[in-house]
């Protein structure tokens, strides 16, 4: 376990937990992992938390929409 990394799994979108905003706004880098083409979760969270206005955060995403699960190899391009 690396203490420099964290994982947040959102189970409920509304009502939006405001504690999440304070956690995300101090992060250096965020990676949204989604199983859809358009990145609905990324857009909702960045808009709700105002992350697109925070220039200190690097936001990346990994999206799959081919019904296959995520594999370690999928994440290698993000970790470079």
N, C-alpha and C. Protein backbone atom coordinates (compact mmCIF):
# COMPACT_ATOMS: atom_id res chain seq x y z
N UNK A 1 0.85 -1.19 0.00
CA UNK A 1 0.00 0.00 0.00
C UNK A 1 0.88 1.24 0.00
N UNK A 2 0.64 2.11 -0.93
CA UNK A 2 1.40 3.35 -1.03
C UNK A 2 0.59 4.49 -0.44
N UNK A 3 1.09 5.18 0.59
CA UNK A 3 0.32 6.27 1.20
C UNK A 3 0.18 7.50 0.31
N UNK A 4 0.90 7.53 -0.80
CA UNK A 4 0.79 8.67 -1.72
C UNK A 4 -0.39 8.55 -2.67
N UNK A 5 -1.04 7.41 -2.67
CA UNK A 5 -2.17 7.17 -3.55
C UNK A 5 -3.42 6.92 -2.73
N UNK A 6 -4.55 7.24 -3.29
CA UNK A 6 -5.81 6.98 -2.63
C UNK A 6 -6.85 6.56 -3.65
N UNK A 7 -7.90 5.97 -3.19
CA UNK A 7 -8.98 5.51 -4.05
C UNK A 7 -10.29 5.95 -3.44
N UNK A 8 -11.11 6.56 -4.25
CA UNK A 8 -12.45 6.97 -3.82
C UNK A 8 -13.45 6.33 -4.76
N UNK A 9 -14.39 5.60 -4.20
CA UNK A 9 -15.45 4.98 -4.98
C UNK A 9 -16.76 5.67 -4.61
N UNK A 10 -17.38 6.30 -5.59
CA UNK A 10 -18.64 7.00 -5.35
C UNK A 10 -19.80 6.04 -5.58
N UNK A 11 -20.61 5.89 -4.56
CA UNK A 11 -21.77 5.01 -4.66
C UNK A 11 -23.07 5.81 -4.80
N UNK A 12 -23.07 7.02 -4.25
CA UNK A 12 -24.26 7.86 -4.29
C UNK A 12 -23.86 9.22 -4.84
N UNK A 13 -24.55 9.67 -5.88
CA UNK A 13 -24.24 10.96 -6.49
C UNK A 13 -24.98 12.12 -5.83
N UNK A 14 -26.22 11.87 -5.50
CA UNK A 14 -27.03 12.93 -4.89
C UNK A 14 -27.72 12.39 -3.66
N UNK A 15 -27.66 13.07 -2.57
CA UNK A 15 -27.03 14.38 -2.38
C UNK A 15 -25.51 14.24 -2.39
N UNK A 16 -24.86 15.22 -2.98
CA UNK A 16 -23.40 15.21 -3.11
C UNK A 16 -22.77 15.53 -1.76
N UNK A 17 -21.85 14.71 -1.33
CA UNK A 17 -21.18 14.89 -0.04
C UNK A 17 -20.11 15.98 -0.18
N UNK A 18 -20.30 17.07 0.50
CA UNK A 18 -19.39 18.22 0.39
C UNK A 18 -17.99 17.92 0.94
N UNK A 19 -17.86 16.90 1.78
CA UNK A 19 -16.53 16.51 2.27
C UNK A 19 -15.64 16.07 1.12
N UNK A 20 -16.23 15.53 0.08
CA UNK A 20 -15.46 15.09 -1.08
C UNK A 20 -14.78 16.27 -1.76
N UNK A 21 -15.45 17.39 -1.82
CA UNK A 21 -14.88 18.58 -2.45
C UNK A 21 -13.61 19.02 -1.74
N UNK A 22 -13.61 19.03 -0.41
CA UNK A 22 -12.42 19.45 0.33
C UNK A 22 -11.27 18.45 0.16
N UNK A 23 -11.58 17.18 0.01
CA UNK A 23 -10.55 16.17 -0.21
C UNK A 23 -9.93 16.31 -1.60
N UNK A 24 -10.78 16.49 -2.61
CA UNK A 24 -10.28 16.55 -3.99
C UNK A 24 -9.53 17.83 -4.30
N UNK A 25 -9.88 18.93 -3.67
CA UNK A 25 -9.24 20.19 -3.97
C UNK A 25 -7.82 20.31 -3.42
N UNK A 26 -7.38 19.39 -2.58
CA UNK A 26 -6.00 19.41 -2.10
C UNK A 26 -5.14 18.37 -2.81
N UNK A 27 -5.72 17.59 -3.70
CA UNK A 27 -4.97 16.58 -4.44
C UNK A 27 -4.10 17.24 -5.50
N UNK A 28 -3.01 16.57 -5.86
CA UNK A 28 -2.13 17.07 -6.92
C UNK A 28 -2.56 16.54 -8.28
N UNK A 29 -3.07 15.32 -8.28
CA UNK A 29 -3.47 14.68 -9.54
C UNK A 29 -4.69 13.81 -9.28
N UNK A 30 -5.64 13.86 -10.20
CA UNK A 30 -6.84 13.03 -10.12
C UNK A 30 -6.95 12.22 -11.41
N UNK A 31 -7.30 10.97 -11.26
CA UNK A 31 -7.54 10.11 -12.41
C UNK A 31 -8.95 9.54 -12.27
N UNK A 32 -9.80 9.88 -13.21
CA UNK A 32 -11.17 9.37 -13.22
C UNK A 32 -11.21 8.11 -14.07
N UNK A 33 -11.66 7.02 -13.48
CA UNK A 33 -11.76 5.73 -14.18
C UNK A 33 -13.24 5.45 -14.35
N UNK A 34 -13.66 5.38 -15.62
CA UNK A 34 -15.09 5.22 -15.91
C UNK A 34 -15.32 4.19 -17.00
N UNK A 35 -16.48 3.58 -16.94
CA UNK A 35 -16.90 2.62 -17.96
C UNK A 35 -17.96 3.26 -18.85
N UNK A 36 -17.63 4.39 -19.44
CA UNK A 36 -18.51 5.01 -20.42
C UNK A 36 -17.69 5.91 -21.34
N UNK A 37 -18.26 6.30 -22.44
CA UNK A 37 -17.56 7.06 -23.47
C UNK A 37 -17.42 8.54 -23.13
N UNK A 38 -18.44 9.12 -22.54
CA UNK A 38 -18.48 10.58 -22.42
C UNK A 38 -17.88 11.14 -21.13
N UNK A 39 -17.56 10.33 -20.15
CA UNK A 39 -16.98 10.83 -18.92
C UNK A 39 -17.96 11.59 -18.05
N UNK A 40 -19.11 11.01 -17.85
CA UNK A 40 -20.17 11.67 -17.08
C UNK A 40 -19.76 11.93 -15.64
N UNK A 41 -19.10 10.98 -15.01
CA UNK A 41 -18.69 11.16 -13.61
C UNK A 41 -17.65 12.28 -13.49
N UNK A 42 -16.68 12.28 -14.38
CA UNK A 42 -15.66 13.32 -14.36
C UNK A 42 -16.28 14.70 -14.51
N UNK A 43 -17.18 14.87 -15.43
CA UNK A 43 -17.81 16.16 -15.65
C UNK A 43 -18.63 16.58 -14.43
N UNK A 44 -19.40 15.66 -13.87
CA UNK A 44 -20.24 15.98 -12.72
C UNK A 44 -19.39 16.40 -11.51
N UNK A 45 -18.36 15.62 -11.21
CA UNK A 45 -17.54 15.90 -10.03
C UNK A 45 -16.72 17.17 -10.22
N UNK A 46 -16.12 17.37 -11.39
CA UNK A 46 -15.32 18.58 -11.60
C UNK A 46 -16.19 19.83 -11.58
N UNK A 47 -17.39 19.75 -12.12
CA UNK A 47 -18.29 20.90 -12.07
C UNK A 47 -18.78 21.18 -10.66
N UNK A 48 -19.16 20.13 -9.95
CA UNK A 48 -19.70 20.29 -8.59
C UNK A 48 -18.64 20.80 -7.61
N UNK A 49 -17.41 20.31 -7.74
CA UNK A 49 -16.34 20.69 -6.81
C UNK A 49 -15.54 21.90 -7.29
N UNK A 50 -15.79 22.36 -8.51
CA UNK A 50 -15.04 23.50 -9.04
C UNK A 50 -13.59 23.16 -9.35
N UNK A 51 -13.32 21.92 -9.70
CA UNK A 51 -11.95 21.48 -9.94
C UNK A 51 -11.35 22.06 -11.21
N UNK A 52 -12.17 22.40 -12.18
CA UNK A 52 -11.62 22.92 -13.43
C UNK A 52 -11.02 24.32 -13.25
N UNK A 53 -11.33 24.97 -12.13
CA UNK A 53 -10.77 26.29 -11.86
C UNK A 53 -9.52 26.21 -10.99
N UNK A 54 -9.20 25.05 -10.48
CA UNK A 54 -8.03 24.85 -9.64
C UNK A 54 -6.87 24.44 -10.55
N UNK A 55 -5.96 25.35 -10.81
CA UNK A 55 -4.86 25.10 -11.75
C UNK A 55 -3.75 24.23 -11.17
N UNK A 56 -3.80 23.93 -9.87
CA UNK A 56 -2.78 23.11 -9.23
C UNK A 56 -3.06 21.62 -9.35
N UNK A 57 -4.22 21.26 -9.86
CA UNK A 57 -4.61 19.85 -9.99
C UNK A 57 -4.51 19.41 -11.44
N UNK A 58 -3.85 18.28 -11.65
CA UNK A 58 -3.81 17.65 -12.96
C UNK A 58 -4.92 16.61 -13.01
N UNK A 59 -5.80 16.74 -13.98
CA UNK A 59 -6.93 15.81 -14.10
C UNK A 59 -6.73 14.95 -15.34
N UNK A 60 -6.74 13.64 -15.14
CA UNK A 60 -6.62 12.68 -16.23
C UNK A 60 -7.83 11.75 -16.15
N UNK A 61 -8.01 10.98 -17.21
CA UNK A 61 -9.10 10.01 -17.18
C UNK A 61 -8.72 8.75 -17.94
N UNK A 62 -9.39 7.69 -17.58
CA UNK A 62 -9.28 6.41 -18.27
C UNK A 62 -10.69 5.91 -18.47
N UNK A 63 -11.08 5.78 -19.71
CA UNK A 63 -12.45 5.36 -20.03
C UNK A 63 -12.42 4.11 -20.90
N UNK A 64 -13.28 3.18 -20.58
CA UNK A 64 -13.47 1.99 -21.41
C UNK A 64 -14.96 1.85 -21.66
N UNK A 65 -15.28 1.49 -22.86
CA UNK A 65 -16.69 1.33 -23.21
C UNK A 65 -16.86 0.16 -24.16
N UNK A 66 -15.98 -0.83 -24.00
CA UNK A 66 -16.04 -2.00 -24.87
C UNK A 66 -16.47 -3.27 -24.12
N UNK A 67 -17.00 -3.11 -22.91
CA UNK A 67 -17.51 -4.18 -22.06
C UNK A 67 -16.43 -5.10 -21.49
N UNK A 68 -15.15 -4.78 -21.71
CA UNK A 68 -14.07 -5.54 -21.11
C UNK A 68 -13.66 -4.87 -19.80
N UNK A 69 -13.18 -5.64 -18.84
CA UNK A 69 -12.75 -5.05 -17.57
C UNK A 69 -11.44 -4.28 -17.73
N UNK A 70 -11.12 -3.49 -16.73
CA UNK A 70 -9.84 -2.79 -16.72
C UNK A 70 -8.74 -3.76 -16.33
N UNK A 71 -7.60 -3.62 -16.98
CA UNK A 71 -6.43 -4.43 -16.67
C UNK A 71 -5.29 -3.50 -16.28
N UNK A 72 -4.27 -4.05 -15.65
CA UNK A 72 -3.13 -3.26 -15.23
C UNK A 72 -2.48 -2.53 -16.40
N UNK A 73 -2.46 -3.17 -17.53
CA UNK A 73 -1.86 -2.56 -18.72
C UNK A 73 -2.59 -1.29 -19.15
N UNK A 74 -3.87 -1.19 -18.83
CA UNK A 74 -4.64 0.01 -19.17
C UNK A 74 -4.14 1.23 -18.41
N UNK A 75 -3.62 1.03 -17.22
CA UNK A 75 -3.17 2.11 -16.38
C UNK A 75 -1.72 2.53 -16.62
N UNK A 76 -0.97 1.72 -17.33
CA UNK A 76 0.46 2.01 -17.53
C UNK A 76 0.69 3.32 -18.26
N UNK A 77 -0.16 3.67 -19.21
CA UNK A 77 0.01 4.92 -19.95
C UNK A 77 -0.24 6.14 -19.05
N UNK A 78 -1.07 5.99 -18.03
CA UNK A 78 -1.36 7.11 -17.12
C UNK A 78 -0.25 7.31 -16.09
N UNK A 79 0.48 6.28 -15.79
CA UNK A 79 1.48 6.34 -14.73
C UNK A 79 2.84 6.82 -15.22
N UNK A 80 2.99 7.07 -16.49
CA UNK A 80 4.28 7.52 -17.03
C UNK A 80 4.44 9.01 -16.91
